[in-house]
Structure formats: C-alpha cells, structure tokens
Amino acid sequence: MTHKDGIVATIALALSTLAMAGMVGSGAYAQAAGVEARGVQALSNAVIETVCPEAHAARAADAQLLAVAAQVAP
C-alpha cells in the first residue's frame, strides 16, 4: 500500500507544480498580488485614519507631494 501512496503523491506533486507554473507564467499571479497589495494599503490607510487622524493627515500630505513629484519629469 505504501508503494501506491508514493506513486500517487509523486503524481500529485508533479501536477500541482505544473499548475503553479502555469499560474505564475500566465500573469494572473502578478495581477492578484498587485490587487492584494492595493487592498492591504487601503485597509491600513483606513485603520490609520480611524485610530490616529493626525498621523493620517501627515501621510496624506506626503502622498500628495509624492504624486506631484512623479508627474514632474526631470
């Protein structure tokens, strides 16, 4: 029975590796990671705004400066 279990485990590992490689290669993984990062950033901003409004105001001013700086091309 253990020999059959080893074969099944090897096949399952190979199939899952191929599925993961396909997911990463398709670009869907990068898109999902970007969406998750934006969601975490939005959540942290909401928490900061609720817990510490004065810190949020300072971060908002920094974000505005960064946005303007990115628009100005050297």
C-alpha atoms as a PDB file:
ATOM      1  CA  MET A   1       0.000   0.000   0.000  1.00  0.00           C
ATOM      2  CA  THR A   2       2.842   2.438   0.756  1.00  0.00           C
ATOM      3  CA  HIS A   3       4.279   1.958  -2.721  1.00  0.00           C
ATOM      4  CA  LYS A   4       0.969   3.047  -4.269  1.00  0.00           C
ATOM      5  CA  ASP A   5       0.795   6.011  -1.892  1.00  0.00           C
ATOM      6  CA  GLY A   6       4.251   7.119  -3.013  1.00  0.00           C
ATOM      7  CA  ILE A   7       3.273   6.948  -6.669  1.00  0.00           C
ATOM      8  CA  VAL A   8       0.080   8.915  -6.077  1.00  0.00           C
ATOM      9  CA  ALA A   9       1.966  11.523  -4.017  1.00  0.00           C
ATOM     10  CA  THR A  10       4.588  11.919  -6.758  1.00  0.00           C
ATOM     11  CA  ILE A  11       1.941  12.372  -9.442  1.00  0.00           C
ATOM     12  CA  ALA A  12       0.045  14.872  -7.274  1.00  0.00           C
ATOM     13  CA  LEU A  13       3.230  16.855  -6.642  1.00  0.00           C
ATOM     14  CA  ALA A  14       4.060  16.936 -10.366  1.00  0.00           C
ATOM     15  CA  LEU A  15       0.538  18.089 -11.296  1.00  0.00           C
ATOM     16  CA  SER A  16       0.464  20.784  -8.633  1.00  0.00           C
ATOM     17  CA  THR A  17       3.897  22.030  -9.733  1.00  0.00           C
ATOM     18  CA  LEU A  18       2.697  22.279 -13.328  1.00  0.00           C
ATOM     19  CA  ALA A  19      -0.463  24.085 -12.227  1.00  0.00           C
ATOM     20  CA  MET A  20       1.565  26.601 -10.198  1.00  0.00           C
ATOM     21  CA  ALA A  21       3.981  27.175 -13.068  1.00  0.00           C
ATOM     22  CA  GLY A  22       1.045  27.804 -15.389  1.00  0.00           C
ATOM     23  CA  MET A  23      -0.485  30.266 -12.952  1.00  0.00           C
ATOM     24  CA  VAL A  24       2.740  32.212 -12.480  1.00  0.00           C
ATOM     25  CA  GLY A  25       3.507  32.159 -16.201  1.00  0.00           C
ATOM     26  CA  SER A  26       0.092  33.484 -17.190  1.00  0.00           C
ATOM     27  CA  GLY A  27       0.475  36.759 -15.272  1.00  0.00           C
ATOM     28  CA  ALA A  28      -2.620  36.076 -13.164  1.00  0.00           C
ATOM     29  CA  TYR A  29      -0.455  35.621 -10.072  1.00  0.00           C
ATOM     30  CA  ALA A  30       1.210  39.023 -10.507  1.00  0.00           C
ATOM     31  CA  GLN A  31      -2.149  40.692 -11.054  1.00  0.00           C
ATOM     32  CA  ALA A  32      -3.618  39.069  -7.942  1.00  0.00           C
ATOM     33  CA  ALA A  33      -0.579  40.079  -5.881  1.00  0.00           C
ATOM     34  CA  GLY A  34      -0.953  43.682  -7.039  1.00  0.00           C
ATOM     35  CA  VAL A  35      -4.640  43.731  -6.165  1.00  0.00           C
ATOM     36  CA  GLU A  36      -3.883  42.283  -2.742  1.00  0.00           C
ATOM     37  CA  ALA A  37      -1.181  44.908  -2.107  1.00  0.00           C
ATOM     38  CA  ARG A  38      -3.564  47.739  -3.018  1.00  0.00           C
ATOM     39  CA  GLY A  39      -6.215  46.243  -0.735  1.00  0.00           C
ATOM     40  CA  VAL A  40      -3.804  45.997   2.184  1.00  0.00           C
ATOM     41  CA  GLN A  41      -2.690  49.600   1.597  1.00  0.00           C
ATOM     42  CA  ALA A  42      -6.319  50.790   1.565  1.00  0.00           C
ATOM     43  CA  LEU A  43      -7.058  48.847   4.747  1.00  0.00           C
ATOM     44  CA  SER A  44      -4.022  50.249   6.549  1.00  0.00           C
ATOM     45  CA  ASN A  45      -4.977  53.784   5.496  1.00  0.00           C
ATOM     46  CA  ALA A  46      -8.497  53.285   6.854  1.00  0.00           C
ATOM     47  CA  VAL A  47      -7.152  51.962  10.155  1.00  0.00           C
ATOM     48  CA  ILE A  48      -4.665  54.821  10.496  1.00  0.00           C
ATOM     49  CA  GLU A  49      -7.366  57.378   9.710  1.00  0.00           C
ATOM     50  CA  THR A  50      -9.632  55.868  12.365  1.00  0.00           C
ATOM     51  CA  VAL A  51      -7.057  55.298  15.095  1.00  0.00           C
ATOM     52  CA  CYS A  52      -4.767  58.284  14.634  1.00  0.00           C
ATOM     53  CA  PRO A  53      -6.239  61.085  12.452  1.00  0.00           C
ATOM     54  CA  GLU A  54      -3.257  63.437  12.894  1.00  0.00           C
ATOM     55  CA  ALA A  55      -0.848  60.810  11.544  1.00  0.00           C
ATOM     56  CA  HIS A  56      -3.166  60.224   8.600  1.00  0.00           C
ATOM     57  CA  ALA A  57      -3.125  63.940   7.731  1.00  0.00           C
ATOM     58  CA  ALA A  58       0.685  63.916   7.661  1.00  0.00           C
ATOM     59  CA  ARG A  59       0.753  60.805   5.464  1.00  0.00           C
ATOM     60  CA  ALA A  60      -1.830  62.314   3.111  1.00  0.00           C
ATOM     61  CA  ALA A  61       0.353  65.398   2.642  1.00  0.00           C
ATOM     62  CA  ASP A  62       3.369  63.183   1.894  1.00  0.00           C
ATOM     63  CA  ALA A  63       1.323  61.188  -0.614  1.00  0.00           C
ATOM     64  CA  GLN A  64       0.256  64.371  -2.394  1.00  0.00           C
ATOM     65  CA  LEU A  65       3.866  65.522  -2.635  1.00  0.00           C
ATOM     66  CA  LEU A  66       4.907  62.141  -3.979  1.00  0.00           C
ATOM     67  CA  ALA A  67       2.122  62.188  -6.592  1.00  0.00           C
ATOM     68  CA  VAL A  68       3.159  65.666  -7.783  1.00  0.00           C
ATOM     69  CA  ALA A  69       6.823  64.672  -7.860  1.00  0.00           C
ATOM     70  CA  ALA A  70       6.000  61.635 -10.002  1.00  0.00           C
ATOM     71  CA  GLN A  71       4.153  63.819 -12.511  1.00  0.00           C
ATOM     72  CA  VAL A  72       7.082  66.206 -12.951  1.00  0.00           C
ATOM     73  CA  ALA A  73       9.536  64.720 -15.418  1.00  0.00           C
ATOM     74  CA  PRO A  74      13.209  65.653 -14.940  1.00  0.00           C
END
